[in-house]
């Protein structure tokens, strides 16, 4: 997984643009087509922030 807060110069044609609660999320198109579900987990402690992405792929039980 890659997280970038500055993506102005990146080639965006390989990503789906999703908006959720004021945030713009870029997801790789190949993940969108293969995923049955995607969960984002955001955590914050003092000045530190974490993001976890859990993707459930078609044909996999866990």
PDB file of N, CA and C in Angstrom:
ATOM      1  N   UNK A   1       0.831  -1.167   0.000  1.00  0.00           N
ATOM      2  CA  UNK A   1       0.000   0.000   0.000  1.00  0.00           C
ATOM      3  C   UNK A   1       0.878   1.234   0.000  1.00  0.00           C
ATOM      4  N   UNK A   2       0.419   2.253  -0.634  1.00  0.00           N
ATOM      5  CA  UNK A   2       1.145   3.509  -0.677  1.00  0.00           C
ATOM      6  C   UNK A   2       0.219   4.641  -0.274  1.00  0.00           C
ATOM      7  N   UNK A   3       0.721   5.534   0.544  1.00  0.00           N
ATOM      8  CA  UNK A   3      -0.052   6.705   0.960  1.00  0.00           C
ATOM      9  C   UNK A   3       0.739   7.937   0.585  1.00  0.00           C
ATOM     10  N   UNK A   4       0.080   8.850  -0.119  1.00  0.00           N
ATOM     11  CA  UNK A   4       0.739  10.084  -0.530  1.00  0.00           C
ATOM     12  C   UNK A   4      -0.248  11.218  -0.352  1.00  0.00           C
ATOM     13  N   UNK A   5       0.184  12.260   0.311  1.00  0.00           N
ATOM     14  CA  UNK A   5      -0.700  13.398   0.525  1.00  0.00           C
ATOM     15  C   UNK A   5      -0.537  14.457  -0.558  1.00  0.00           C
ATOM     16  N   UNK A   6       0.411  14.288  -1.463  1.00  0.00           N
ATOM     17  CA  UNK A   6       0.632  15.229  -2.558  1.00  0.00           C
ATOM     18  C   UNK A   6       0.693  14.434  -3.851  1.00  0.00           C
ATOM     19  N   UNK A   7      -0.393  14.419  -4.592  1.00  0.00           N
ATOM     20  CA  UNK A   7      -0.466  13.586  -5.797  1.00  0.00           C
ATOM     21  C   UNK A   7      -0.739  14.399  -7.050  1.00  0.00           C
ATOM     22  N   UNK A   8      -0.381  15.660  -7.082  1.00  0.00           N
ATOM     23  CA  UNK A   8      -0.701  16.498  -8.238  1.00  0.00           C
ATOM     24  C   UNK A   8       0.019  16.072  -9.507  1.00  0.00           C
ATOM     25  N   UNK A   9       1.232  15.575  -9.398  1.00  0.00           N
ATOM     26  CA  UNK A   9       2.005  15.210 -10.580  1.00  0.00           C
ATOM     27  C   UNK A   9       1.843  13.740 -10.965  1.00  0.00           C
ATOM     28  N   UNK A  10       1.112  12.973 -10.178  1.00  0.00           N
ATOM     29  CA  UNK A  10       0.963  11.544 -10.434  1.00  0.00           C
ATOM     30  C   UNK A  10      -0.015  11.300 -11.587  1.00  0.00           C
ATOM     31  N   UNK A  11       0.162  10.198 -12.283  1.00  0.00           N
ATOM     32  CA  UNK A  11      -0.733   9.784 -13.357  1.00  0.00           C
ATOM     33  C   UNK A  11      -1.939   9.096 -12.709  1.00  0.00           C
ATOM     34  N   UNK A  12      -3.101   9.721 -12.789  1.00  0.00           N
ATOM     35  CA  UNK A  12      -4.287   9.241 -12.086  1.00  0.00           C
ATOM     36  C   UNK A  12      -5.157   8.289 -12.906  1.00  0.00           C
ATOM     37  N   UNK A  13      -4.765   7.959 -14.120  1.00  0.00           N
ATOM     38  CA  UNK A  13      -5.643   7.139 -14.961  1.00  0.00           C
ATOM     39  C   UNK A  13      -5.763   5.693 -14.466  1.00  0.00           C
ATOM     40  N   UNK A  14      -4.896   5.255 -13.581  1.00  0.00           N
ATOM     41  CA  UNK A  14      -4.951   3.887 -13.068  1.00  0.00           C
ATOM     42  C   UNK A  14      -5.694   3.792 -11.742  1.00  0.00           C
ATOM     43  N   UNK A  15      -6.351   4.872 -11.315  1.00  0.00           N
ATOM     44  CA  UNK A  15      -7.005   4.914 -10.007  1.00  0.00           C
ATOM     45  C   UNK A  15      -8.470   5.308 -10.125  1.00  0.00           C
ATOM     46  N   UNK A  16      -9.283   4.746  -9.253  1.00  0.00           N
ATOM     47  CA  UNK A  16     -10.671   5.165  -9.075  1.00  0.00           C
ATOM     48  C   UNK A  16     -10.681   6.221  -7.986  1.00  0.00           C
ATOM     49  N   UNK A  17     -11.423   7.291  -8.183  1.00  0.00           N
ATOM     50  CA  UNK A  17     -11.530   8.359  -7.195  1.00  0.00           C
ATOM     51  C   UNK A  17     -12.789   8.128  -6.373  1.00  0.00           C
ATOM     52  N   UNK A  18     -12.635   7.969  -5.076  1.00  0.00           N
ATOM     53  CA  UNK A  18     -13.756   7.780  -4.168  1.00  0.00           C
ATOM     54  C   UNK A  18     -13.715   8.878  -3.115  1.00  0.00           C
ATOM     55  N   UNK A  19     -14.876   9.330  -2.695  1.00  0.00           N
ATOM     56  CA  UNK A  19     -14.948  10.335  -1.632  1.00  0.00           C
ATOM     57  C   UNK A  19     -15.696   9.738  -0.451  1.00  0.00           C
ATOM     58  N   UNK A  20     -15.156   9.964   0.731  1.00  0.00           N
ATOM     59  CA  UNK A  20     -15.784   9.450   1.944  1.00  0.00           C
ATOM     60  C   UNK A  20     -15.506  10.412   3.087  1.00  0.00           C
ATOM     61  N   UNK A  21     -16.544  10.975   3.644  1.00  0.00           N
ATOM     62  CA  UNK A  21     -16.474  11.879   4.793  1.00  0.00           C
ATOM     63  C   UNK A  21     -15.428  12.981   4.603  1.00  0.00           C
ATOM     64  N   UNK A  22     -15.439  13.613   3.450  1.00  0.00           N
ATOM     65  CA  UNK A  22     -14.549  14.737   3.194  1.00  0.00           C
ATOM     66  C   UNK A  22     -13.152  14.366   2.731  1.00  0.00           C
ATOM     67  N   UNK A  23     -12.847  13.091   2.621  1.00  0.00           N
ATOM     68  CA  UNK A  23     -11.524  12.650   2.166  1.00  0.00           C
ATOM     69  C   UNK A  23     -11.649  12.061   0.764  1.00  0.00           C
ATOM     70  N   UNK A  24     -10.651  12.311  -0.062  1.00  0.00           N
ATOM     71  CA  UNK A  24     -10.595  11.712  -1.393  1.00  0.00           C
ATOM     72  C   UNK A  24      -9.648  10.524  -1.322  1.00  0.00           C
ATOM     73  N   UNK A  25     -10.129   9.388  -1.746  1.00  0.00           N
ATOM     74  CA  UNK A  25      -9.358   8.146  -1.680  1.00  0.00           C
ATOM     75  C   UNK A  25      -9.135   7.652  -3.098  1.00  0.00           C
ATOM     76  N   UNK A  26      -7.902   7.332  -3.417  1.00  0.00           N
ATOM     77  CA  UNK A  26      -7.552   6.784  -4.725  1.00  0.00           C
ATOM     78  C   UNK A  26      -7.293   5.293  -4.556  1.00  0.00           C
ATOM     79  N   UNK A  27      -8.032   4.482  -5.296  1.00  0.00           N
ATOM     80  CA  UNK A  27      -7.909   3.031  -5.209  1.00  0.00           C
ATOM     81  C   UNK A  27      -7.519   2.521  -6.583  1.00  0.00           C
ATOM     82  N   UNK A  28      -6.531   1.641  -6.631  1.00  0.00           N
ATOM     83  CA  UNK A  28      -6.096   1.075  -7.905  1.00  0.00           C
ATOM     84  C   UNK A  28      -7.264   0.371  -8.594  1.00  0.00           C
ATOM     85  N   UNK A  29      -7.431   0.606  -9.897  1.00  0.00           N
ATOM     86  CA  UNK A  29      -8.554   0.032 -10.632  1.00  0.00           C
ATOM     87  C   UNK A  29      -8.549  -1.495 -10.602  1.00  0.00           C
ATOM     88  N   UNK A  30      -7.381  -2.114 -10.609  1.00  0.00           N
ATOM     89  CA  UNK A  30      -7.355  -3.577 -10.554  1.00  0.00           C
ATOM     90  C   UNK A  30      -7.838  -4.086  -9.193  1.00  0.00           C
ATOM     91  N   UNK A  31      -7.656  -3.329  -8.119  1.00  0.00           N
ATOM     92  CA  UNK A  31      -8.183  -3.722  -6.815  1.00  0.00           C
ATOM     93  C   UNK A  31      -9.700  -3.553  -6.787  1.00  0.00           C
ATOM     94  N   UNK A  32     -10.204  -2.490  -7.388  1.00  0.00           N
ATOM     95  CA  UNK A  32     -11.646  -2.251  -7.430  1.00  0.00           C
ATOM     96  C   UNK A  32     -12.353  -3.388  -8.149  1.00  0.00           C
ATOM     97  N   UNK A  33     -11.782  -3.867  -9.235  1.00  0.00           N
ATOM     98  CA  UNK A  33     -12.430  -4.924 -10.010  1.00  0.00           C
ATOM     99  C   UNK A  33     -12.331  -6.290  -9.342  1.00  0.00           C
ATOM    100  N   UNK A  34     -11.371  -6.504  -8.432  1.00  0.00           N
ATOM    101  CA  UNK A  34     -11.172  -7.810  -7.804  1.00  0.00           C
ATOM    102  C   UNK A  34     -11.671  -7.879  -6.363  1.00  0.00           C
ATOM    103  N   UNK A  35     -12.027  -6.755  -5.780  1.00  0.00           N
ATOM    104  CA  UNK A  35     -12.385  -6.735  -4.367  1.00  0.00           C
ATOM    105  C   UNK A  35     -13.889  -6.875  -4.168  1.00  0.00           C
ATOM    106  N   UNK A  36     -14.252  -7.727  -3.219  1.00  0.00           N
ATOM    107  CA  UNK A  36     -15.651  -7.846  -2.809  1.00  0.00           C
ATOM    108  C   UNK A  36     -15.978  -6.771  -1.792  1.00  0.00           C
ATOM    109  N   UNK A  37     -14.965  -6.308  -1.067  1.00  0.00           N
ATOM    110  CA  UNK A  37     -15.157  -5.256  -0.079  1.00  0.00           C
ATOM    111  C   UNK A  37     -13.831  -4.691   0.376  1.00  0.00           C
ATOM    112  N   UNK A  38     -13.829  -3.418   0.725  1.00  0.00           N
ATOM    113  CA  UNK A  38     -12.620  -2.751   1.215  1.00  0.00           C
ATOM    114  C   UNK A  38     -13.003  -1.975   2.477  1.00  0.00           C
ATOM    115  N   UNK A  39     -12.216  -2.150   3.544  1.00  0.00           N
ATOM    116  CA  UNK A  39     -12.461  -1.457   4.800  1.00  0.00           C
ATOM    117  C   UNK A  39     -11.251  -0.600   5.128  1.00  0.00           C
ATOM    118  N   UNK A  40     -11.494   0.653   5.494  1.00  0.00           N
ATOM    119  CA  UNK A  40     -10.436   1.561   5.928  1.00  0.00           C
ATOM    120  C   UNK A  40     -10.543   1.729   7.435  1.00  0.00           C
ATOM    121  N   UNK A  41      -9.425   1.631   8.112  1.00  0.00           N
ATOM    122  CA  UNK A  41      -9.379   1.818   9.561  1.00  0.00           C
ATOM    123  C   UNK A  41      -8.421   2.970   9.852  1.00  0.00           C
ATOM    124  N   UNK A  42      -8.934   4.024  10.445  1.00  0.00           N
ATOM    125  CA  UNK A  42      -8.135   5.203  10.759  1.00  0.00           C
ATOM    126  C   UNK A  42      -7.944   5.296  12.264  1.00  0.00           C
ATOM    127  N   UNK A  43      -6.711   5.542  12.691  1.00  0.00           N
ATOM    128  CA  UNK A  43      -6.410   5.704  14.106  1.00  0.00           C
ATOM    129  C   UNK A  43      -5.544   6.939  14.302  1.00  0.00           C
ATOM    130  N   UNK A  44      -5.737   7.586  15.440  1.00  0.00           N
ATOM    131  CA  UNK A  44      -4.957   8.776  15.745  1.00  0.00           C
ATOM    132  C   UNK A  44      -4.567   8.744  17.217  1.00  0.00           C
ATOM    133  N   UNK A  45      -3.304   9.024  17.500  1.00  0.00           N
ATOM    134  CA  UNK A  45      -2.808   9.112  18.862  1.00  0.00           C
ATOM    135  C   UNK A  45      -1.823  10.275  18.915  1.00  0.00           C
ATOM    136  N   UNK A  46      -2.167  11.281  19.681  1.00  0.00           N
ATOM    137  CA  UNK A  46      -1.384  12.513  19.756  1.00  0.00           C
ATOM    138  C   UNK A  46      -1.198  13.079  18.350  1.00  0.00           C
ATOM    139  N   UNK A  47       0.038  13.153  17.863  1.00  0.00           N
ATOM    140  CA  UNK A  47       0.263  13.696  16.518  1.00  0.00           C
ATOM    141  C   UNK A  47       0.466  12.606  15.469  1.00  0.00           C
ATOM    142  N   UNK A  48       0.351  11.342  15.859  1.00  0.00           N
ATOM    143  CA  UNK A  48       0.561  10.232  14.935  1.00  0.00           C
ATOM    144  C   UNK A  48      -0.776   9.769  14.364  1.00  0.00           C
ATOM    145  N   UNK A  49      -0.770   9.402  13.076  1.00  0.00           N
ATOM    146  CA  UNK A  49      -1.966   8.895  12.409  1.00  0.00           C
ATOM    147  C   UNK A  49      -1.614   7.620  11.665  1.00  0.00           C
ATOM    148  N   UNK A  50      -2.526   6.649  11.705  1.00  0.00           N
ATOM    149  CA  UNK A  50      -2.342   5.382  11.001  1.00  0.00           C
ATOM    150  C   UNK A  50      -3.555   5.120  10.141  1.00  0.00           C
ATOM    151  N   UNK A  51      -3.322   4.467   9.040  1.00  0.00           N
ATOM    152  CA  UNK A  51      -4.422   4.006   8.195  1.00  0.00           C
ATOM    153  C   UNK A  51      -4.139   2.556   7.826  1.00  0.00           C
ATOM    154  N   UNK A  52      -5.155   1.720   7.972  1.00  0.00           N
ATOM    155  CA  UNK A  52      -5.065   0.317   7.572  1.00  0.00           C
ATOM    156  C   UNK A  52      -6.133   0.068   6.523  1.00  0.00           C
ATOM    157  N   UNK A  53      -5.774  -0.698   5.521  1.00  0.00           N
ATOM    158  CA  UNK A  53      -6.712  -1.062   4.465  1.00  0.00           C
ATOM    159  C   UNK A  53      -6.856  -2.579   4.477  1.00  0.00           C
ATOM    160  N   UNK A  54      -8.090  -3.034   4.596  1.00  0.00           N
ATOM    161  CA  UNK A  54      -8.391  -4.464   4.549  1.00  0.00           C
ATOM    162  C   UNK A  54      -9.230  -4.702   3.301  1.00  0.00           C
ATOM    163  N   UNK A  55      -8.753  -5.560   2.414  1.00  0.00           N
ATOM    164  CA  UNK A  55      -9.480  -5.851   1.174  1.00  0.00           C
ATOM    165  C   UNK A  55      -9.880  -7.318   1.156  1.00  0.00           C
ATOM    166  N   UNK A  56     -11.162  -7.579   0.910  1.00  0.00           N
ATOM    167  CA  UNK A  56     -11.672  -8.935   0.762  1.00  0.00           C
ATOM    168  C   UNK A  56     -11.791  -9.200  -0.732  1.00  0.00           C
ATOM    169  N   UNK A  57     -10.983 -10.137  -1.232  1.00  0.00           N
ATOM    170  CA  UNK A  57     -10.992 -10.436  -2.662  1.00  0.00           C
ATOM    171  C   UNK A  57     -12.032 -11.508  -2.980  1.00  0.00           C
ATOM    172  N   UNK A  58     -12.597 -11.435  -4.189  1.00  0.00           N
ATOM    173  CA  UNK A  58     -13.562 -12.438  -4.620  1.00  0.00           C
ATOM    174  C   UNK A  58     -12.890 -13.819  -4.600  1.00  0.00           C
ATOM    175  N   UNK A  59     -13.617 -14.815  -4.108  1.00  0.00           N
ATOM    176  CA  UNK A  59     -13.118 -16.182  -4.090  1.00  0.00           C
ATOM    177  C   UNK A  59     -12.275 -16.522  -2.882  1.00  0.00           C
ATOM    178  N   UNK A  60     -12.071 -15.600  -1.951  1.00  0.00           N
ATOM    179  CA  UNK A  60     -11.299 -15.852  -0.737  1.00  0.00           C
ATOM    180  C   UNK A  60     -12.202 -15.666   0.464  1.00  0.00           C
ATOM    181  N   UNK A  61     -12.107 -16.590   1.410  1.00  0.00           N
ATOM    182  CA  UNK A  61     -13.017 -16.533   2.566  1.00  0.00           C
ATOM    183  C   UNK A  61     -12.484 -15.644   3.681  1.00  0.00           C
ATOM    184  N   UNK A  62     -11.165 -15.410   3.746  1.00  0.00           N
ATOM    185  CA  UNK A  62     -10.629 -14.560   4.821  1.00  0.00           C
ATOM    186  C   UNK A  62      -9.725 -13.499   4.252  1.00  0.00           C
TER     187      UNK A  62
END
